[in-house]
Amino acid sequence: MQTTNWVPLFPEQASTFAWQVDALYFYLVAVSIAFSIPIVLAIFVFGMKYREREKYVSGAEIHGSMVLETTWSIIPFVVSMTIFLGGAIVFFNQMTPPDDAMTVYVVGKQWMWKMQHETGQREINELHVPLGRTVKLTMTTEDVIHDFGLPEFRTKADVVPGRYTYLWFTPTKPGKYHLFCQEYCGLNHSGMGGWVYVMEQRDYDNWLSGNVSGQTPVEMGKDLFENKLGCASCHAGGPQQRGAKLEGVFGSTVKLTGGGTVVADDNYIRNSILNPASQVVEGYQPIMPTFKGQVTEEQLNALVAYVKSLTPGAATKSPSPGATAPSPANTTGGTGASANNMTPAKADRGKQNAAGSNPNTPSNSNSR
């Protein structure tokens, strides 16, 4: 197991696409050397050979060469296109996780990383994952921009306030690997790090069973939806339903008031909870209240997970990590207050529209 506290110049390759990143990097280094050395030598040689020997002497007339001009046009073109294609392939691979990836929710905060597994286990500045299993991180932050960086896995992604970003990897070697924040985030930025532990499946199962899980994100989201935030009063169905049903909405195309459409992905659900008036679902009125400042990032993750669970097979139709929020709400966490903790007027409104808390579906009012 790797236990050193220093980062080598070329960290160990520990993920399926680490070799691709290294291959592209070394190719760029080779191209840079191949161009730089001849150019520097040519400048030196020509500077010596054609230096001024006599004042006001006219140089020899030089005629163009089609062969030379064609060569120095084609070679740079081929080199630049190979760099582009190589970069595009690596980018596409890193932005397209397999459908069977296990999800881990990550919340960045000055100055720590908070993780929660689908089974409910929570970790701070540590992440335990099984060997050979694809892991997809759904990430957001409570304050400023952070960056979740894994040098040995050759991957990193910004963690941005008000929206979800994604990162995935498939570890290939058991061990202990560095986790860094790779975006300057404040005075204690250098201390915002941790470790990723890659374990054999049996060891990972033992680790899961030995840690108290508490509520899973889906269970926590259901509790918030049905009890604490009153979302079910508008979105649970029945003759009194004022909001659209949320079943089956995740991954579908939602029609909006005004004629536009949007794909109901993670960021859509999140934005529907925090900024419901930004995208009103066709056929509904903008009556859903905002829950910005009333739910924490962990509660938002739970609500999103619950709404996704209402769509069969949602895990396999999860949008690409490149997806972005159409109108991200810039939230910095909150008090975690529920509808029961609101003022009477707001509590009534919350019950009426809180269901919008699960905006994954077009919320009655603004379920988007």
Foldseek 3Di string as FASTA:
>chain_A
DDDDPDADPAHAAWFPCSVLVVVLVVLVVVVCCVPPPVVVVCCVVCCVVVPDDDPPDDDDDDDDDPVVVVVVVVVVVVSVVVSVVSVVVSVVVFFFFALQAFEKEWEQEVAWIWIAGQLQFIDIQEAEDEAQGKYKYWYAYLDAKWKWDWSNNPDIGIHHFQKIFMGMTHTHDFDKTKIATPDDDDDCRRVRIHIYGYHHPVVVVVVVVVGDRPDGLQRLLVCQLVPFQQLCLAAVDDPNHLWDHLAAQAQDWFAFPPGDIDHLALSLQLCLQAPLVVTAGPPAAQLADHCAQQFFPSNSSSNSVNSLVSYPSSSSSHDTSVDIHPDGDRGNTHDNHHLVPDDVVSSVSSNNRVNCNRLSDNTSHRVD
